[in-house]
Amino acid sequence: MKKRLIPALAGLLFVTTAHAQQHVSKVTPSLKFEKQTIAAESYESVAVFDVNNDKIPDLVSGAFWYEGPAYFKRHYIGPVKQYGEYWDDFSTIPFDVNGDGRMDYITGGWFGKTLVWKENPGNDNEWKEHIIATPGNIETTRSWDIDGDGVPEIIPNTPNDPLIIFHHNKATGEFTAHKILDRKSGHGLGFGDVNGDGRVDIIIPEGWVEAPAAPFTAPWTFHPEFNLGTASVPVIVTDVNKDGLTDLIAGQGHDYGLDWHEQKKDVKTNKRTWIKHVIDPYNSQYHTMAWADIDGDGAEELVTGKRYRAHNDHDPGSDDPCGIYYFKWNGESFTKQVISYGSKGAGLYFGIYDLTGSGKKDIIVAGKDGLFIFYNKGNK
């Protein structure tokens, strides 16, 4: 056990050293968070949306939704299949599928290999489950507006199967499947404009898939330019160092490591290369993350953490302490700040939302270690 704790302690030393090297003018006081326990349920996904149309955000996780603003009153959604320590519920994507003005959500799982949407009944009845497709083992699912029509597409990460985009038809309420890569997708998924043409490309672990002008009729082009390993979902696609080229931020979902990959481009040959920069090598199971401004300074922070028992006890570092962190870019590197350490992990799908109307974004996290809110109290 002592050997397992050494990497976590080394990580703290790494952060302290990084802080010491910064100029005082660049240091921003760290945020303070107040932790609230919502439930001991072990679902790994949670989303924030208004379930009952009272204009107050609610929490939806697994078989239940929790009524805001206190999040004490719990309502039953319906059964979720359990496989050992896992619930087959690996995402919670808010989406009014049938256009009735009540927010539904989309989920799916590894074991059932099925993408579904759950229909909000508008009362305390069970939510009806509708099958969208059976695309294969679903690591988790994300949504992104690929075609720019204002309606997000649904993209499951299916490591053992081809990459498929599900496009929603407003008129019929149905989803149509569009296979854009006829090979195994791998563990990891990201979205963003890699080459600066204004289109949304897709990141998988072994490269990026370039979007055509007509994303649902024309072929996509695969560029095998890197290997991100067992990458996080999502992989963040953003210009980290503000040099005009899009970079990538990827965690290792089932190993140690969190890195950003700097894009370089030869102006003569247009050849693209990627330089790996270490953010945090001392923690494992950085399975999910978000890029959001949580301290209100106008610049995004990287919010992520170690997933608790991602593969139960079979991943490197699985018995290291869990944690939730945010990493702040100081113009040269990322510095690590602790939201929670030792008692809570980041799960598979978490929410960032101002629950109280304070103007500060809170962190809402589910996992095998419970459902919690971390209220953002600012840095004063």
Protein backbone atom coordinates (compact mmCIF):
# COMPACT_ATOMS: atom_id res chain seq x y z
CA MET A 1 0.00 0.00 0.00
CA LYS A 2 2.84 2.42 0.77
CA LYS A 3 4.19 2.08 -2.75
CA ARG A 4 0.76 2.89 -4.13
CA LEU A 5 0.64 6.14 -2.18
CA ILE A 6 3.99 7.41 -3.41
CA PRO A 7 2.70 8.60 -6.84
CA ALA A 8 -0.05 10.67 -5.21
CA LEU A 9 2.46 12.32 -2.87
CA ALA A 10 4.82 12.93 -5.74
CA GLY A 11 1.97 14.63 -7.56
CA LEU A 12 1.53 17.06 -4.69
CA LEU A 13 5.25 17.82 -4.76
CA PHE A 14 5.04 18.37 -8.53
CA VAL A 15 2.23 20.87 -8.09
CA THR A 16 3.96 22.71 -5.26
CA THR A 17 7.09 23.09 -7.37
CA ALA A 18 5.06 24.34 -10.32
CA HIS A 19 3.40 26.95 -8.12
CA ALA A 20 6.75 28.09 -6.75
CA GLN A 21 8.05 28.74 -10.25
CA GLN A 22 5.19 31.04 -11.22
CA HIS A 23 5.38 34.80 -11.02
CA VAL A 24 3.24 36.19 -8.21
CA SER A 25 1.22 38.22 -10.73
CA LYS A 26 0.06 35.00 -12.40
CA VAL A 27 -1.17 33.29 -9.24
CA THR A 28 -4.94 33.14 -8.82
CA PRO A 29 -6.27 32.13 -5.38
CA SER A 30 -7.68 28.61 -5.50
CA LEU A 31 -11.42 28.07 -5.35
CA LYS A 32 -13.16 26.77 -2.27
CA PHE A 33 -15.91 24.16 -2.51
CA GLU A 34 -18.61 23.00 -0.09
CA LYS A 35 -19.49 19.32 -0.40
CA GLN A 36 -23.09 18.07 -0.15
CA THR A 37 -23.97 14.37 -0.13
CA ILE A 38 -26.99 13.61 -2.32
CA ALA A 39 -27.10 9.81 -2.38
CA ALA A 40 -25.05 6.69 -1.73
CA GLU A 41 -26.19 5.21 -5.04
CA SER A 42 -23.37 3.86 -7.19
CA TYR A 43 -24.44 5.05 -10.64
CA GLU A 44 -21.56 6.64 -12.56
CA SER A 45 -23.39 9.30 -14.54
CA VAL A 46 -25.31 12.45 -13.63
CA ALA A 47 -26.77 15.39 -15.54
CA VAL A 48 -28.41 18.65 -14.55
CA PHE A 49 -31.66 19.71 -16.20
CA ASP A 50 -35.18 20.88 -15.34
CA VAL A 51 -37.24 17.68 -15.16
CA ASN A 52 -40.56 19.11 -13.96
CA ASN A 53 -40.49 22.47 -15.81
CA ASP A 54 -40.50 24.57 -12.64
CA LYS A 55 -37.45 26.52 -13.89
CA ILE A 56 -35.30 25.00 -11.12
CA PRO A 57 -32.47 22.64 -12.11
CA ASP A 58 -32.80 19.03 -11.01
CA LEU A 59 -30.30 16.15 -10.93
CA VAL A 60 -30.79 12.96 -12.95
CA SER A 61 -28.67 9.92 -12.13
CA GLY A 62 -29.39 6.26 -12.79
CA ALA A 63 -32.81 5.15 -11.59
CA PHE A 64 -33.67 8.44 -9.87
CA TRP A 65 -34.01 12.18 -10.25
CA TYR A 66 -33.49 14.58 -7.37
CA GLU A 67 -35.69 17.64 -7.14
CA GLY A 68 -34.04 21.04 -6.83
CA PRO A 69 -33.22 23.27 -5.15
CA ALA A 70 -32.59 21.11 -2.05
CA TYR A 71 -32.01 17.81 -3.95
CA PHE A 72 -33.38 15.90 -1.00
CA LYS A 73 -36.64 14.67 -2.54
CA ARG A 74 -35.99 11.66 -4.77
CA HIS A 75 -38.22 10.44 -7.64
CA TYR A 76 -38.05 7.04 -9.32
CA ILE A 77 -37.32 6.96 -13.06
CA GLY A 78 -37.25 3.23 -13.66
CA PRO A 79 -35.05 0.15 -13.40
CA VAL A 80 -31.42 0.07 -14.54
CA LYS A 81 -29.77 -3.28 -15.23
CA GLN A 82 -26.83 -4.14 -12.99
CA TYR A 83 -23.83 -6.25 -13.97
CA GLY A 84 -21.61 -6.88 -10.97
CA GLU A 85 -20.42 -3.49 -9.72
CA TYR A 86 -21.63 -1.73 -12.88
CA TRP A 87 -24.96 -0.21 -13.80
CA ASP A 88 -25.58 -0.27 -17.57
CA ASP A 89 -26.08 3.49 -17.60
CA PHE A 90 -22.93 5.19 -18.89
CA SER A 91 -24.22 8.66 -19.83
CA THR A 92 -27.04 11.13 -19.12
CA ILE A 93 -27.51 13.40 -22.14
CA PRO A 94 -30.46 15.83 -21.83
CA PHE A 95 -32.46 15.78 -25.08
CA ASP A 96 -36.14 16.50 -25.76
CA VAL A 97 -36.41 13.67 -28.27
CA ASN A 98 -40.16 13.77 -28.94
CA GLY A 99 -40.46 17.57 -28.86
CA ASP A 100 -43.16 17.68 -26.18
CA GLY A 101 -41.44 20.38 -24.12
CA ARG A 102 -40.30 17.95 -21.43
CA MET A 103 -36.64 17.06 -21.23
CA ASP A 104 -35.81 13.40 -21.83
CA TYR A 105 -32.32 11.91 -21.75
CA ILE A 106 -30.10 9.50 -23.68
CA THR A 107 -27.97 6.76 -22.20
CA GLY A 108 -26.55 3.35 -22.99
CA GLY A 109 -24.10 0.83 -21.61
CA TRP A 110 -21.27 -1.56 -22.20
CA PHE A 111 -23.06 -4.75 -21.32
CA GLY A 112 -26.37 -4.29 -23.10
CA LYS A 113 -24.68 -2.75 -26.18
CA THR A 114 -27.80 -0.61 -26.61
CA LEU A 115 -28.29 3.14 -27.04
CA VAL A 116 -31.63 4.28 -25.58
CA TRP A 117 -33.63 7.37 -24.72
CA LYS A 118 -35.84 7.63 -21.67
CA GLU A 119 -39.07 9.54 -22.02
CA ASN A 120 -40.00 12.11 -19.39
CA PRO A 121 -43.68 11.40 -18.52
CA GLY A 122 -44.31 14.77 -16.90
CA ASN A 123 -45.44 13.13 -13.65
CA ASP A 124 -44.17 10.57 -11.17
CA ASN A 125 -44.81 7.59 -13.43
CA GLU A 126 -41.90 5.50 -14.69
CA TRP A 127 -40.03 6.82 -17.71
CA LYS A 128 -40.57 4.72 -20.84
CA GLU A 129 -37.39 3.43 -22.46
CA HIS A 130 -37.01 3.61 -26.26
CA ILE A 131 -34.25 1.83 -28.19
CA ILE A 132 -32.29 4.00 -30.61
CA ALA A 133 -29.78 1.39 -31.83
CA THR A 134 -27.47 -1.44 -30.81
CA PRO A 135 -24.07 -0.12 -31.92
CA GLY A 136 -21.97 -2.42 -29.70
CA ASN A 137 -20.24 -2.12 -26.33
CA ILE A 138 -20.76 1.52 -25.29
CA GLU A 139 -17.95 2.92 -23.13
CA THR A 140 -19.98 6.11 -22.75
CA THR A 141 -21.86 8.50 -25.05
CA ARG A 142 -21.48 12.18 -25.86
CA SER A 143 -23.38 14.73 -27.96
CA TRP A 144 -22.08 17.42 -30.31
CA ASP A 145 -23.61 19.56 -33.03
CA ILE A 146 -21.74 18.13 -36.00
CA ASP A 147 -23.69 19.80 -38.82
CA GLY A 148 -24.28 23.19 -37.15
CA ASP A 149 -28.09 23.06 -37.24
CA GLY A 150 -28.44 23.75 -33.51
CA VAL A 151 -29.41 20.17 -32.66
CA PRO A 152 -26.65 17.94 -31.26
CA GLU A 153 -25.81 14.60 -32.79
CA ILE A 154 -25.39 11.57 -30.51
CA ILE A 155 -22.04 9.79 -30.72
CA PRO A 156 -21.38 6.69 -28.58
CA ASN A 157 -17.80 5.63 -27.92
CA THR A 158 -17.81 2.00 -29.04
CA PRO A 159 -14.19 0.80 -28.71
CA ASN A 160 -14.78 -2.57 -30.37
CA ASP A 161 -16.96 -1.30 -33.20
CA PRO A 162 -17.05 1.35 -35.96
CA LEU A 163 -17.63 5.03 -35.24
CA ILE A 164 -21.29 5.95 -35.81
CA ILE A 165 -23.07 9.30 -35.58
CA PHE A 166 -26.79 9.34 -34.78
CA HIS A 167 -28.63 12.27 -36.33
CA HIS A 168 -32.00 13.33 -34.93
CA ASN A 169 -34.88 14.16 -37.29
CA LYS A 170 -37.06 16.84 -35.68
CA ALA A 171 -40.03 16.05 -37.88
CA THR A 172 -40.20 12.34 -37.07
CA GLY A 173 -38.40 12.22 -33.73
CA GLU A 174 -36.30 9.33 -35.06
CA PHE A 175 -32.53 8.91 -35.19
CA THR A 176 -30.64 7.87 -38.32
CA ALA A 177 -27.24 6.19 -38.12
CA HIS A 178 -24.26 7.38 -40.17
CA LYS A 179 -21.11 5.26 -40.09
CA ILE A 180 -18.11 7.55 -40.63
CA LEU A 181 -15.25 5.16 -39.91
CA ASP A 182 -15.33 1.48 -40.76
CA ARG A 183 -12.84 0.25 -38.17
CA LYS A 184 -12.70 -0.17 -34.40
CA SER A 185 -13.15 3.19 -32.71
CA GLY A 186 -10.90 2.55 -29.71
CA HIS A 187 -11.21 3.92 -26.17
CA GLY A 188 -11.58 7.69 -26.36
CA LEU A 189 -13.59 10.35 -28.16
CA GLY A 190 -13.31 14.09 -28.78
CA PHE A 191 -14.85 16.81 -30.95
CA GLY A 192 -13.50 20.02 -32.45
CA ASP A 193 -12.03 21.77 -35.47
CA VAL A 194 -8.54 20.29 -35.83
CA ASN A 195 -7.51 21.84 -39.16
CA GLY A 196 -9.21 25.23 -38.93
CA ASP A 197 -11.74 24.75 -41.73
CA GLY A 198 -14.72 25.57 -39.52
CA ARG A 199 -16.03 22.00 -39.39
CA VAL A 200 -16.31 19.67 -36.39
CA ASP A 201 -13.82 16.83 -36.63
CA ILE A 202 -13.80 13.78 -34.37
CA ILE A 203 -10.88 12.50 -32.29
CA ILE A 204 -10.32 8.81 -31.62
CA PRO A 205 -7.24 7.37 -29.88
CA GLU A 206 -5.24 6.63 -33.03
CA GLY A 207 -5.94 9.83 -34.96
CA TRP A 208 -8.57 12.31 -36.04
CA VAL A 209 -11.39 11.96 -38.54
CA GLU A 210 -11.81 14.97 -40.81
CA ALA A 211 -15.35 16.17 -41.44
CA PRO A 212 -16.49 16.85 -45.01
CA ALA A 213 -18.76 19.72 -45.97
CA ALA A 214 -21.71 17.30 -46.05
CA PRO A 215 -21.11 15.19 -42.92
CA PHE A 216 -23.98 12.73 -43.48
CA THR A 217 -23.49 12.03 -47.18
CA ALA A 218 -19.81 12.57 -48.03
CA PRO A 219 -16.93 10.40 -46.77
CA TRP A 220 -14.83 11.38 -43.77
CA THR A 221 -11.01 11.22 -43.92
CA PHE A 222 -8.97 9.46 -41.23
CA HIS A 223 -5.59 10.94 -40.23
CA PRO A 224 -3.56 8.46 -38.12
CA GLU A 225 -1.27 11.11 -36.61
CA PHE A 226 -1.01 10.06 -32.96
CA ASN A 227 -1.86 7.40 -30.39
CA LEU A 228 -3.57 8.61 -27.22
CA GLY A 229 -3.80 5.20 -25.51
CA THR A 230 -6.91 4.40 -23.46
CA ALA A 231 -7.99 7.99 -23.85
CA SER A 232 -10.57 9.92 -21.88
CA VAL A 233 -14.10 10.64 -23.04
CA PRO A 234 -14.06 13.37 -23.97
CA VAL A 235 -10.68 14.32 -25.33
CA ILE A 236 -10.66 18.12 -25.07
CA VAL A 237 -10.06 19.90 -28.39
CA THR A 238 -8.91 23.50 -27.86
CA ASP A 239 -6.06 25.91 -28.58
CA VAL A 240 -4.27 25.57 -25.24
CA ASN A 241 -1.32 27.91 -25.88
CA LYS A 242 -3.22 30.40 -28.10
CA ASP A 243 -0.91 30.00 -31.09
CA GLY A 244 -3.76 29.63 -33.58
CA LEU A 245 -3.50 25.84 -33.83
CA THR A 246 -5.88 23.43 -32.13
CA ASP A 247 -4.38 21.19 -29.44
CA LEU A 248 -5.67 18.13 -27.56
CA ILE A 249 -5.98 17.31 -23.86
CA ALA A 250 -6.31 13.62 -23.04
CA GLY A 251 -6.32 11.59 -19.86
CA GLN A 252 -5.70 7.88 -19.56
CA GLY A 253 -9.00 6.26 -18.63
CA HIS A 254 -7.40 3.03 -17.44
CA ASP A 255 -3.78 3.91 -16.71
CA TYR A 256 -1.63 6.69 -15.28
CA GLY A 257 -1.37 9.99 -17.11
CA LEU A 258 -2.88 13.31 -18.13
CA ASP A 259 -1.28 15.22 -21.02
CA TRP A 260 -1.82 17.90 -23.62
CA HIS A 261 -0.71 17.40 -27.18
CA GLU A 262 0.51 20.52 -28.96
CA GLN A 263 -0.20 20.78 -32.67
CA LYS A 264 2.66 21.93 -34.89
CA LYS A 265 2.37 22.52 -38.61
CA ASP A 266 5.11 22.91 -41.20
CA VAL A 267 4.21 25.98 -43.26
CA LYS A 268 6.02 24.63 -46.33
CA THR A 269 4.74 21.06 -46.38
CA ASN A 270 1.52 21.52 -44.34
CA LYS A 271 2.57 18.41 -42.42
CA ARG A 272 1.04 18.24 -38.96
CA THR A 273 2.90 16.87 -35.91
CA TRP A 274 1.97 16.62 -32.24
CA ILE A 275 4.20 17.27 -29.21
CA LYS A 276 3.17 15.62 -25.95
CA HIS A 277 3.38 17.72 -22.76
CA VAL A 278 2.82 16.16 -19.35
CA ILE A 279 0.15 17.71 -17.11
CA ASP A 280 -0.05 15.10 -14.34
CA PRO A 281 1.69 11.70 -14.56
CA TYR A 282 0.97 10.76 -10.94
CA ASN A 283 -2.73 9.86 -11.03
CA SER A 284 -4.58 7.18 -12.96
CA GLN A 285 -8.07 6.70 -14.43
CA TYR A 286 -8.60 10.20 -15.78
CA HIS A 287 -11.64 8.85 -17.61
CA THR A 288 -13.73 11.99 -18.12
CA MET A 289 -13.16 15.73 -18.10
CA ALA A 290 -14.60 19.13 -18.97
CA TRP A 291 -13.20 22.43 -20.24
CA ALA A 292 -15.08 25.23 -18.50
CA ASP A 293 -14.51 28.58 -16.82
CA ILE A 294 -15.25 27.78 -13.18
CA ASP A 295 -13.38 30.67 -11.54
CA GLY A 296 -15.02 33.42 -13.59
CA ASP A 297 -11.87 34.93 -15.07
CA GLY A 298 -12.94 34.40 -18.69
CA ALA A 299 -10.54 31.53 -19.33
CA GLU A 300 -11.43 27.84 -19.22
CA GLU A 301 -10.04 25.41 -16.68
CA LEU A 302 -9.61 21.66 -17.09
CA VAL A 303 -11.91 19.86 -14.63
CA THR A 304 -11.29 16.14 -14.16
CA GLY A 305 -10.40 13.47 -11.62
CA LYS A 306 -9.65 9.85 -10.94
CA ARG A 307 -12.59 7.53 -11.56
CA TYR A 308 -13.27 5.25 -8.59
CA ARG A 309 -12.87 1.54 -9.48
CA ALA A 310 -13.00 2.09 -13.24
CA HIS A 311 -12.21 -1.59 -13.88
CA ASN A 312 -12.88 -2.50 -10.27
CA ASP A 313 -9.37 -3.31 -8.96
CA HIS A 314 -7.72 -4.24 -12.28
CA ASP A 315 -6.30 -0.90 -13.49
CA PRO A 316 -2.86 0.52 -12.62
CA GLY A 317 -3.27 2.77 -9.59
CA SER A 318 -6.77 1.52 -8.84
CA ASP A 319 -6.18 1.61 -5.09
CA ASP A 320 -4.53 5.05 -5.08
CA PRO A 321 -6.63 7.77 -3.42
CA CYS A 322 -9.39 9.25 -5.59
CA GLY A 323 -9.71 12.92 -6.30
CA ILE A 324 -11.42 15.67 -8.28
CA TYR A 325 -9.22 18.51 -9.54
CA TYR A 326 -9.09 21.53 -11.76
CA PHE A 327 -6.01 22.49 -13.73
CA LYS A 328 -5.34 26.12 -14.61
CA TRP A 329 -3.27 27.20 -17.59
CA ASN A 330 -0.83 29.96 -16.58
CA GLY A 331 0.46 30.72 -20.07
CA GLU A 332 3.23 28.15 -19.90
CA SER A 333 1.91 25.09 -18.08
CA PHE A 334 -0.99 23.69 -16.08
CA THR A 335 -1.14 23.93 -12.29
CA LYS A 336 -3.27 21.55 -10.25
CA GLN A 337 -5.88 22.61 -7.69
CA VAL A 338 -7.82 20.23 -5.47
CA ILE A 339 -11.62 20.17 -5.36
CA SER A 340 -11.75 16.91 -3.37
CA TYR A 341 -9.04 14.45 -2.39
CA GLY A 342 -9.20 10.97 -0.93
CA SER A 343 -12.95 10.41 -0.76
CA LYS A 344 -14.56 11.09 -4.17
CA GLY A 345 -13.79 10.24 -7.78
CA ALA A 346 -14.95 11.74 -11.07
CA GLY A 347 -17.20 8.95 -12.42
CA LEU A 348 -18.02 8.59 -16.11
CA TYR A 349 -20.19 11.63 -16.85
CA PHE A 350 -20.48 14.67 -14.57
CA GLY A 351 -22.12 18.08 -14.64
CA ILE A 352 -20.90 21.66 -14.27
CA TYR A 353 -23.77 24.01 -13.53
CA ASP A 354 -24.65 27.06 -11.41
CA LEU A 355 -27.27 25.38 -9.24
CA THR A 356 -27.95 28.32 -6.92
CA GLY A 357 -27.87 31.30 -9.29
CA SER A 358 -24.78 32.63 -7.53
CA GLY A 359 -22.89 33.17 -10.78
CA LYS A 360 -20.44 30.45 -9.77
CA LYS A 361 -20.39 27.06 -11.47
CA ASP A 362 -20.79 24.04 -9.20
CA ILE A 363 -19.51 20.51 -9.82
CA ILE A 364 -21.99 17.60 -9.69
CA VAL A 365 -20.38 14.16 -9.67
CA ALA A 366 -21.72 10.60 -9.54
CA GLY A 367 -19.77 7.36 -9.23
CA LYS A 368 -19.46 4.04 -7.49
CA ASP A 369 -18.53 6.17 -4.47
CA GLY A 370 -21.83 8.10 -4.43
CA LEU A 371 -23.54 11.21 -5.78
CA PHE A 372 -22.32 14.60 -4.55
CA ILE A 373 -22.55 18.31 -5.24
CA PHE A 374 -19.48 20.49 -4.76
CA TYR A 375 -20.81 24.03 -4.38
CA ASN A 376 -18.41 26.63 -5.73
CA LYS A 377 -17.80 29.24 -2.99
CA GLY A 378 -15.35 31.33 -5.01
CA ASN A 379 -11.77 32.26 -4.11
CA LYS A 380 -12.27 34.98 -1.51
